[in-house]
Amino acid sequence: MRILGIDPGSLTTGFGVVEILDGRLAYITSGCIRMKDEPLPQRLKTIFSGISELVEINSPDAFAIEQVFMARNARSALVLGQARGAAICAAVDKDLPVSEYSALEIKKSVVGYGQADKSQVQHMVRSILALDGAPQADAADALACAICHSHTLETNNRLQRSMRR
């Protein structure tokens, strides 16, 4: 199973692809879709196009994205919601199942602590995926989202197996 994780943003959207192989996680790719300083509709189009291209290239089986957090600035929260919408539309357009996770869920799943900072997330992503170096912060958050989804799938599979007994 190949998972595309997304850390949405209106200026930088992180992405990360992992694959579950023989019960282990393998790193495929990660990076950032960076938007030019242009009007929001153009940036949303860039997010949609960028994620569509990532899906075409990497052929994921699942799509995981971080949920909107409650921002102090209502405008920032709305813009972030629109960026998430563009990303989700790109996934749905490619018939991918979409899963959403809060930042707290992602951090608990990857670091073991829901209030972990970005450097702790980067460190654990590097460790879990056996990377040579720490990925960029936005890419690390996207990889963490994909890792969280893989852990959720694993837990759900275990529960289903135990219920069959």
N, C-alpha and C. Protein backbone atom coordinates (compact mmCIF):
# COMPACT_ATOMS: atom_id res chain seq x y z
N MET A 1 0.83 -1.18 0.00
CA MET A 1 0.00 0.00 0.00
C MET A 1 0.88 1.24 0.00
N ARG A 2 0.61 2.13 -0.91
CA ARG A 2 1.36 3.37 -1.04
C ARG A 2 0.47 4.53 -0.58
N ILE A 3 1.03 5.39 0.26
CA ILE A 3 0.26 6.48 0.88
C ILE A 3 0.91 7.82 0.54
N LEU A 4 0.08 8.76 0.07
CA LEU A 4 0.51 10.13 -0.16
C LEU A 4 0.00 10.98 1.00
N GLY A 5 0.92 11.56 1.76
CA GLY A 5 0.58 12.44 2.87
C GLY A 5 0.78 13.89 2.45
N ILE A 6 -0.12 14.75 2.95
CA ILE A 6 -0.08 16.17 2.59
C ILE A 6 -0.14 17.04 3.83
N ASP A 7 0.75 18.04 3.88
CA ASP A 7 0.71 19.10 4.88
C ASP A 7 0.31 20.36 4.12
N PRO A 8 -0.98 20.73 4.16
CA PRO A 8 -1.45 21.82 3.30
C PRO A 8 -0.99 23.20 3.75
N GLY A 9 -0.82 24.06 2.78
CA GLY A 9 -0.47 25.46 3.04
C GLY A 9 -0.74 26.27 1.80
N SER A 10 -1.04 27.55 1.96
CA SER A 10 -1.36 28.38 0.80
C SER A 10 -0.11 28.92 0.11
N LEU A 11 1.04 28.85 0.78
CA LEU A 11 2.30 29.27 0.16
C LEU A 11 3.23 28.09 -0.07
N THR A 12 3.21 27.12 0.85
CA THR A 12 4.01 25.90 0.73
C THR A 12 3.17 24.73 1.18
N THR A 13 3.02 23.75 0.31
CA THR A 13 2.31 22.51 0.64
C THR A 13 3.32 21.38 0.63
N GLY A 14 3.48 20.74 1.77
CA GLY A 14 4.41 19.61 1.86
C GLY A 14 3.76 18.33 1.38
N PHE A 15 4.56 17.45 0.80
CA PHE A 15 4.07 16.13 0.40
C PHE A 15 5.08 15.07 0.79
N GLY A 16 4.58 13.88 1.00
CA GLY A 16 5.44 12.75 1.32
C GLY A 16 4.77 11.46 0.91
N VAL A 17 5.52 10.57 0.32
CA VAL A 17 4.99 9.28 -0.11
C VAL A 17 5.76 8.18 0.59
N VAL A 18 5.01 7.28 1.23
CA VAL A 18 5.59 6.10 1.86
C VAL A 18 4.85 4.88 1.34
N GLU A 19 5.50 3.73 1.47
CA GLU A 19 4.88 2.48 1.04
C GLU A 19 5.06 1.44 2.13
N ILE A 20 3.99 0.69 2.38
CA ILE A 20 4.06 -0.41 3.33
C ILE A 20 4.49 -1.64 2.55
N LEU A 21 5.69 -2.14 2.87
CA LEU A 21 6.25 -3.32 2.20
C LEU A 21 6.59 -4.36 3.26
N ASP A 22 5.95 -5.51 3.19
CA ASP A 22 6.20 -6.59 4.15
C ASP A 22 6.11 -6.10 5.59
N GLY A 23 5.10 -5.30 5.87
CA GLY A 23 4.88 -4.81 7.23
C GLY A 23 5.79 -3.68 7.67
N ARG A 24 6.64 -3.19 6.78
CA ARG A 24 7.55 -2.09 7.11
C ARG A 24 7.26 -0.90 6.21
N LEU A 25 7.63 0.27 6.73
CA LEU A 25 7.45 1.49 5.94
C LEU A 25 8.69 1.80 5.13
N ALA A 26 8.49 2.10 3.87
CA ALA A 26 9.60 2.48 2.99
C ALA A 26 9.35 3.89 2.48
N TYR A 27 10.38 4.70 2.50
CA TYR A 27 10.33 6.06 1.98
C TYR A 27 10.37 6.01 0.46
N ILE A 28 9.48 6.76 -0.18
CA ILE A 28 9.47 6.84 -1.64
C ILE A 28 9.97 8.22 -2.09
N THR A 29 9.31 9.28 -1.65
CA THR A 29 9.71 10.63 -2.02
C THR A 29 9.05 11.64 -1.10
N SER A 30 9.57 12.85 -1.10
CA SER A 30 8.95 13.94 -0.36
C SER A 30 9.46 15.26 -0.90
N GLY A 31 8.78 16.32 -0.54
CA GLY A 31 9.19 17.65 -0.97
C GLY A 31 8.11 18.66 -0.71
N CYS A 32 8.18 19.75 -1.42
CA CYS A 32 7.22 20.84 -1.23
C CYS A 32 6.75 21.39 -2.57
N ILE A 33 5.49 21.72 -2.61
CA ILE A 33 4.93 22.48 -3.73
C ILE A 33 4.95 23.93 -3.26
N ARG A 34 5.74 24.75 -3.91
CA ARG A 34 5.87 26.15 -3.50
C ARG A 34 5.11 27.04 -4.48
N MET A 35 4.30 27.92 -3.92
CA MET A 35 3.51 28.81 -4.73
C MET A 35 4.23 30.14 -4.91
N LYS A 36 4.05 30.72 -6.07
CA LYS A 36 4.57 32.06 -6.33
C LYS A 36 3.69 33.06 -5.58
N ASP A 37 4.19 34.26 -5.44
CA ASP A 37 3.41 35.32 -4.81
C ASP A 37 2.41 35.83 -5.84
N GLU A 38 1.28 35.13 -5.93
CA GLU A 38 0.24 35.48 -6.89
C GLU A 38 -1.12 35.36 -6.21
N PRO A 39 -2.19 35.75 -6.88
CA PRO A 39 -3.51 35.69 -6.25
C PRO A 39 -3.86 34.26 -5.81
N LEU A 40 -4.69 34.18 -4.77
CA LEU A 40 -5.06 32.89 -4.19
C LEU A 40 -5.60 31.88 -5.21
N PRO A 41 -6.49 32.26 -6.12
CA PRO A 41 -6.99 31.27 -7.08
C PRO A 41 -5.86 30.58 -7.87
N GLN A 42 -4.82 31.34 -8.23
CA GLN A 42 -3.69 30.76 -8.96
C GLN A 42 -2.93 29.78 -8.07
N ARG A 43 -2.77 30.14 -6.79
CA ARG A 43 -2.07 29.25 -5.85
C ARG A 43 -2.86 27.96 -5.64
N LEU A 44 -4.18 28.06 -5.57
CA LEU A 44 -5.02 26.87 -5.41
C LEU A 44 -4.90 25.97 -6.64
N LYS A 45 -4.83 26.59 -7.81
CA LYS A 45 -4.64 25.82 -9.04
C LYS A 45 -3.29 25.10 -9.01
N THR A 46 -2.25 25.77 -8.50
CA THR A 46 -0.93 25.16 -8.39
C THR A 46 -0.96 23.95 -7.46
N ILE A 47 -1.67 24.08 -6.34
CA ILE A 47 -1.81 22.95 -5.41
C ILE A 47 -2.52 21.79 -6.10
N PHE A 48 -3.66 22.08 -6.73
CA PHE A 48 -4.43 21.04 -7.42
C PHE A 48 -3.58 20.35 -8.49
N SER A 49 -2.92 21.13 -9.32
CA SER A 49 -2.09 20.57 -10.41
C SER A 49 -0.91 19.79 -9.86
N GLY A 50 -0.26 20.34 -8.84
CA GLY A 50 0.90 19.67 -8.25
C GLY A 50 0.54 18.33 -7.64
N ILE A 51 -0.56 18.27 -6.92
CA ILE A 51 -0.97 17.01 -6.30
C ILE A 51 -1.45 16.03 -7.37
N SER A 52 -2.15 16.52 -8.37
CA SER A 52 -2.56 15.65 -9.47
C SER A 52 -1.35 15.00 -10.12
N GLU A 53 -0.30 15.78 -10.33
CA GLU A 53 0.93 15.25 -10.93
C GLU A 53 1.61 14.24 -10.00
N LEU A 54 1.63 14.52 -8.70
CA LEU A 54 2.21 13.57 -7.74
C LEU A 54 1.47 12.24 -7.77
N VAL A 55 0.15 12.30 -7.89
CA VAL A 55 -0.65 11.07 -7.95
C VAL A 55 -0.32 10.30 -9.22
N GLU A 56 -0.21 11.00 -10.33
CA GLU A 56 0.13 10.34 -11.60
C GLU A 56 1.50 9.66 -11.52
N ILE A 57 2.47 10.34 -10.96
CA ILE A 57 3.85 9.82 -10.90
C ILE A 57 4.00 8.69 -9.89
N ASN A 58 3.38 8.84 -8.71
CA ASN A 58 3.64 7.91 -7.60
C ASN A 58 2.59 6.83 -7.40
N SER A 59 1.45 6.94 -8.06
CA SER A 59 0.37 5.94 -7.97
C SER A 59 0.03 5.51 -6.54
N PRO A 60 -0.31 6.46 -5.67
CA PRO A 60 -0.67 6.06 -4.31
C PRO A 60 -2.01 5.34 -4.27
N ASP A 61 -2.20 4.56 -3.21
CA ASP A 61 -3.47 3.86 -2.97
C ASP A 61 -4.35 4.63 -1.99
N ALA A 62 -3.74 5.54 -1.25
CA ALA A 62 -4.46 6.29 -0.22
C ALA A 62 -3.88 7.70 -0.11
N PHE A 63 -4.69 8.59 0.40
CA PHE A 63 -4.35 10.01 0.54
C PHE A 63 -4.67 10.42 1.97
N ALA A 64 -3.69 10.97 2.67
CA ALA A 64 -3.89 11.43 4.05
C ALA A 64 -3.50 12.89 4.14
N ILE A 65 -4.32 13.68 4.82
CA ILE A 65 -4.08 15.12 4.90
C ILE A 65 -4.35 15.61 6.32
N GLU A 66 -3.56 16.61 6.71
CA GLU A 66 -3.74 17.22 8.03
C GLU A 66 -4.99 18.10 8.02
N GLN A 67 -5.76 18.01 9.10
CA GLN A 67 -6.96 18.83 9.25
C GLN A 67 -6.58 20.27 9.57
N VAL A 68 -7.54 21.16 9.37
CA VAL A 68 -7.34 22.57 9.70
C VAL A 68 -7.31 22.72 11.21
N PHE A 69 -6.36 23.48 11.69
CA PHE A 69 -6.30 23.81 13.12
C PHE A 69 -7.04 25.12 13.33
N MET A 70 -7.40 25.39 14.54
CA MET A 70 -8.07 26.64 14.86
C MET A 70 -7.02 27.75 14.97
N ALA A 71 -6.98 28.59 13.98
CA ALA A 71 -6.00 29.68 13.96
C ALA A 71 -6.57 30.90 14.68
N ARG A 72 -5.68 31.72 15.18
CA ARG A 72 -6.12 32.97 15.82
C ARG A 72 -6.68 33.92 14.77
N ASN A 73 -6.13 33.86 13.58
CA ASN A 73 -6.55 34.73 12.49
C ASN A 73 -7.56 33.97 11.63
N ALA A 74 -8.80 34.43 11.61
CA ALA A 74 -9.85 33.75 10.85
C ALA A 74 -9.52 33.68 9.36
N ARG A 75 -8.94 34.74 8.82
CA ARG A 75 -8.60 34.74 7.39
C ARG A 75 -7.59 33.65 7.08
N SER A 76 -6.59 33.49 7.94
CA SER A 76 -5.58 32.44 7.72
C SER A 76 -6.23 31.06 7.72
N ALA A 77 -7.16 30.84 8.64
CA ALA A 77 -7.85 29.55 8.71
C ALA A 77 -8.67 29.30 7.45
N LEU A 78 -9.33 30.34 6.94
CA LEU A 78 -10.12 30.19 5.72
C LEU A 78 -9.23 29.88 4.52
N VAL A 79 -8.13 30.58 4.40
CA VAL A 79 -7.21 30.35 3.28
C VAL A 79 -6.63 28.93 3.37
N LEU A 80 -6.26 28.50 4.57
CA LEU A 80 -5.75 27.15 4.75
C LEU A 80 -6.82 26.12 4.37
N GLY A 81 -8.06 26.40 4.74
CA GLY A 81 -9.16 25.51 4.36
C GLY A 81 -9.32 25.41 2.86
N GLN A 82 -9.11 26.52 2.16
CA GLN A 82 -9.20 26.49 0.71
C GLN A 82 -8.04 25.68 0.11
N ALA A 83 -6.86 25.80 0.69
CA ALA A 83 -5.71 25.02 0.22
C ALA A 83 -5.98 23.53 0.42
N ARG A 84 -6.54 23.18 1.58
CA ARG A 84 -6.91 21.78 1.85
C ARG A 84 -7.93 21.31 0.82
N GLY A 85 -8.90 22.17 0.52
CA GLY A 85 -9.94 21.81 -0.44
C GLY A 85 -9.36 21.51 -1.82
N ALA A 86 -8.41 22.32 -2.25
CA ALA A 86 -7.76 22.08 -3.55
C ALA A 86 -7.03 20.74 -3.54
N ALA A 87 -6.34 20.45 -2.44
CA ALA A 87 -5.60 19.19 -2.33
C ALA A 87 -6.55 18.00 -2.31
N ILE A 88 -7.63 18.10 -1.53
CA ILE A 88 -8.59 17.01 -1.44
C ILE A 88 -9.28 16.79 -2.78
N CYS A 89 -9.63 17.87 -3.47
CA CYS A 89 -10.26 17.74 -4.80
C CYS A 89 -9.34 17.01 -5.78
N ALA A 90 -8.05 17.29 -5.71
CA ALA A 90 -7.10 16.60 -6.60
C ALA A 90 -7.09 15.10 -6.30
N ALA A 91 -7.15 14.73 -5.02
CA ALA A 91 -7.16 13.31 -4.64
C ALA A 91 -8.46 12.64 -5.09
N VAL A 92 -9.57 13.29 -4.83
CA VAL A 92 -10.88 12.73 -5.20
C VAL A 92 -11.00 12.63 -6.71
N ASP A 93 -10.45 13.61 -7.43
CA ASP A 93 -10.46 13.58 -8.89
C ASP A 93 -9.74 12.35 -9.43
N LYS A 94 -8.77 11.84 -8.66
CA LYS A 94 -8.01 10.64 -9.06
C LYS A 94 -8.56 9.38 -8.37
N ASP A 95 -9.76 9.50 -7.77
CA ASP A 95 -10.44 8.37 -7.12
C ASP A 95 -9.68 7.78 -5.93
N LEU A 96 -8.94 8.62 -5.23
CA LEU A 96 -8.22 8.15 -4.04
C LEU A 96 -9.10 8.31 -2.80
N PRO A 97 -9.07 7.32 -1.90
CA PRO A 97 -9.75 7.50 -0.62
C PRO A 97 -8.99 8.53 0.21
N VAL A 98 -9.72 9.43 0.84
CA VAL A 98 -9.13 10.52 1.61
C VAL A 98 -9.34 10.29 3.10
N SER A 99 -8.26 10.39 3.87
CA SER A 99 -8.33 10.32 5.33
C SER A 99 -7.75 11.61 5.89
N GLU A 100 -8.36 12.09 6.96
CA GLU A 100 -7.93 13.34 7.57
C GLU A 100 -7.54 13.10 9.03
N TYR A 101 -6.46 13.74 9.45
CA TYR A 101 -5.96 13.58 10.81
C TYR A 101 -5.62 14.95 11.39
N SER A 102 -5.91 15.11 12.68
CA SER A 102 -5.53 16.35 13.36
C SER A 102 -4.03 16.35 13.60
N ALA A 103 -3.48 17.53 13.82
CA ALA A 103 -2.05 17.63 14.13
C ALA A 103 -1.73 16.84 15.39
N LEU A 104 -2.62 16.86 16.36
CA LEU A 104 -2.44 16.11 17.60
C LEU A 104 -2.34 14.61 17.33
N GLU A 105 -3.26 14.08 16.51
CA GLU A 105 -3.23 12.65 16.16
C GLU A 105 -1.93 12.28 15.46
N ILE A 106 -1.50 13.12 14.54
CA ILE A 106 -0.29 12.84 13.77
C ILE A 106 0.92 12.82 14.70
N LYS A 107 1.04 13.82 15.54
CA LYS A 107 2.19 13.90 16.45
C LYS A 107 2.19 12.75 17.45
N LYS A 108 1.02 12.39 17.97
CA LYS A 108 0.94 11.25 18.90
C LYS A 108 1.36 9.96 18.21
N SER A 109 0.93 9.79 16.97
CA SER A 109 1.23 8.58 16.23
C SER A 109 2.71 8.45 15.90
N VAL A 110 3.34 9.56 15.57
CA VAL A 110 4.73 9.54 15.10
C VAL A 110 5.74 9.75 16.23
N VAL A 111 5.44 10.69 17.12
CA VAL A 111 6.39 11.05 18.18
C VAL A 111 6.00 10.41 19.52
N GLY A 112 4.69 10.17 19.70
CA GLY A 112 4.21 9.65 20.97
C GLY A 112 3.75 10.74 21.91
N TYR A 113 3.78 11.98 21.43
CA TYR A 113 3.43 13.14 22.24
C TYR A 113 2.73 14.16 21.34
N GLY A 114 1.48 14.48 21.67
CA GLY A 114 0.67 15.35 20.83
C GLY A 114 1.11 16.80 20.75
N GLN A 115 1.97 17.22 21.68
CA GLN A 115 2.43 18.61 21.68
C GLN A 115 3.87 18.74 21.14
N ALA A 116 4.33 17.71 20.45
CA ALA A 116 5.71 17.71 19.92
C ALA A 116 5.92 18.91 18.99
N ASP A 117 7.16 19.41 18.97
CA ASP A 117 7.47 20.52 18.07
C ASP A 117 7.98 19.97 16.73
N LYS A 118 8.18 20.89 15.79
CA LYS A 118 8.57 20.48 14.43
C LYS A 118 9.88 19.70 14.40
N SER A 119 10.84 20.09 15.22
CA SER A 119 12.13 19.39 15.21
C SER A 119 11.98 17.95 15.71
N GLN A 120 11.08 17.72 16.67
CA GLN A 120 10.85 16.37 17.16
C GLN A 120 10.18 15.51 16.09
N VAL A 121 9.24 16.11 15.37
CA VAL A 121 8.57 15.40 14.27
C VAL A 121 9.60 15.05 13.19
N GLN A 122 10.44 16.01 12.82
CA GLN A 122 11.47 15.76 11.81
C GLN A 122 12.40 14.63 12.26
N HIS A 123 12.80 14.65 13.50
CA HIS A 123 13.71 13.63 14.03
C HIS A 123 13.07 12.23 13.95
N MET A 124 11.82 12.12 14.36
CA MET A 124 11.16 10.81 14.36
C MET A 124 10.87 10.32 12.94
N VAL A 125 10.50 11.23 12.05
CA VAL A 125 10.28 10.84 10.65
C VAL A 125 11.59 10.30 10.08
N ARG A 126 12.66 11.00 10.35
CA ARG A 126 13.99 10.55 9.88
C ARG A 126 14.30 9.16 10.43
N SER A 127 14.03 8.95 11.69
CA SER A 127 14.32 7.67 12.34
C SER A 127 13.42 6.55 11.82
N ILE A 128 12.12 6.79 11.75
CA ILE A 128 11.17 5.76 11.31
C ILE A 128 11.46 5.32 9.88
N LEU A 129 11.80 6.27 9.02
CA LEU A 129 12.01 5.96 7.60
C LEU A 129 13.48 5.72 7.26
N ALA A 130 14.35 5.76 8.27
CA ALA A 130 15.79 5.52 8.09
C ALA A 130 16.37 6.43 7.01
N LEU A 131 16.07 7.72 7.11
CA LEU A 131 16.57 8.70 6.14
C LEU A 131 17.97 9.17 6.54
N ASP A 132 18.77 9.53 5.56
CA ASP A 132 20.12 10.04 5.83
C ASP A 132 20.10 11.39 6.53
N GLY A 133 19.14 12.24 6.16
CA GLY A 133 19.04 13.56 6.75
C GLY A 133 17.59 13.88 7.07
N ALA A 134 17.39 14.92 7.84
CA ALA A 134 16.03 15.33 8.18
C ALA A 134 15.39 16.03 6.98
N PRO A 135 14.16 15.66 6.64
CA PRO A 135 13.48 16.35 5.55
C PRO A 135 13.09 17.77 5.96
N GLN A 136 12.80 18.62 4.98
CA GLN A 136 12.30 19.97 5.26
C GLN A 136 11.08 19.85 6.17
N ALA A 137 10.81 20.88 6.95
CA ALA A 137 9.72 20.83 7.93
C ALA A 137 8.37 20.47 7.31
N ASP A 138 8.00 21.11 6.21
CA ASP A 138 6.70 20.84 5.59
C ASP A 138 6.63 19.43 5.02
N ALA A 139 7.73 18.97 4.43
CA ALA A 139 7.79 17.60 3.90
C ALA A 139 7.75 16.60 5.05
N ALA A 140 8.44 16.90 6.15
CA ALA A 140 8.42 16.01 7.33
C ALA A 140 7.01 15.90 7.89
N ASP A 141 6.28 17.00 7.93
CA ASP A 141 4.90 16.96 8.42
C ASP A 141 4.02 16.12 7.50
N ALA A 142 4.24 16.21 6.20
CA ALA A 142 3.48 15.41 5.24
C ALA A 142 3.82 13.93 5.39
N LEU A 143 5.11 13.61 5.54
CA LEU A 143 5.51 12.22 5.77
C LEU A 143 4.92 11.71 7.08
N ALA A 144 4.90 12.56 8.11
CA ALA A 144 4.30 12.18 9.39
C ALA A 144 2.82 11.85 9.23
N CYS A 145 2.14 12.60 8.39
CA CYS A 145 0.72 12.35 8.12
C CYS A 145 0.55 10.99 7.44
N ALA A 146 1.41 10.68 6.49
CA ALA A 146 1.37 9.38 5.81
C ALA A 146 1.70 8.25 6.79
N ILE A 147 2.68 8.46 7.66
CA ILE A 147 3.04 7.46 8.68
C ILE A 147 1.86 7.23 9.62
N CYS A 148 1.22 8.31 10.05
CA CYS A 148 0.04 8.22 10.92
C CYS A 148 -1.04 7.36 10.25
N HIS A 149 -1.26 7.59 8.97
CA HIS A 149 -2.27 6.80 8.25
C HIS A 149 -1.87 5.33 8.21
N SER A 150 -0.60 5.06 8.00
CA SER A 150 -0.15 3.65 7.98
C SER A 150 -0.37 3.00 9.34
N HIS A 151 -0.12 3.73 10.42
CA HIS A 151 -0.35 3.20 11.77
C HIS A 151 -1.84 2.95 12.01
N THR A 152 -2.68 3.84 11.51
CA THR A 152 -4.13 3.68 11.64
C THR A 152 -4.60 2.44 10.89
N LEU A 153 -4.09 2.25 9.68
CA LEU A 153 -4.44 1.05 8.89
C LEU A 153 -4.02 -0.21 9.62
N GLU A 154 -2.81 -0.20 10.17
CA GLU A 154 -2.29 -1.35 10.90
C GLU A 154 -3.16 -1.68 12.11
N THR A 155 -3.54 -0.66 12.86
CA THR A 155 -4.41 -0.86 14.03
C THR A 155 -5.76 -1.40 13.61
N ASN A 156 -6.35 -0.83 12.57
CA ASN A 156 -7.65 -1.30 12.08
C ASN A 156 -7.57 -2.75 11.61
N ASN A 157 -6.49 -3.11 10.92
CA ASN A 157 -6.32 -4.50 10.47
C ASN A 157 -6.22 -5.46 11.64
N ARG A 158 -5.47 -5.07 12.68
CA ARG A 158 -5.35 -5.91 13.88
C ARG A 158 -6.70 -6.10 14.55
N LEU A 159 -7.47 -5.03 14.65
CA LEU A 159 -8.79 -5.12 15.26
C LEU A 159 -9.70 -6.05 14.47
N GLN A 160 -9.68 -5.93 13.16
CA GLN A 160 -10.51 -6.80 12.33
C GLN A 160 -10.11 -8.26 12.48
N ARG A 161 -8.80 -8.53 12.53
CA ARG A 161 -8.34 -9.91 12.71
C ARG A 161 -8.78 -10.47 14.06
N SER A 162 -8.68 -9.65 15.10
CA SER A 162 -9.05 -10.13 16.44
C SER A 162 -10.55 -10.35 16.56
N MET A 163 -11.34 -9.59 15.82
CA MET A 163 -12.79 -9.75 15.87
C MET A 163 -13.23 -11.01 15.13
N ARG A 164 -12.44 -11.48 14.19
CA ARG A 164 -12.76 -12.70 13.44
C ARG A 164 -12.54 -13.96 14.25
N ARG A 165 -11.73 -13.85 15.30
CA ARG A 165 -11.39 -15.03 16.10
C ARG A 165 -12.52 -15.50 16.95
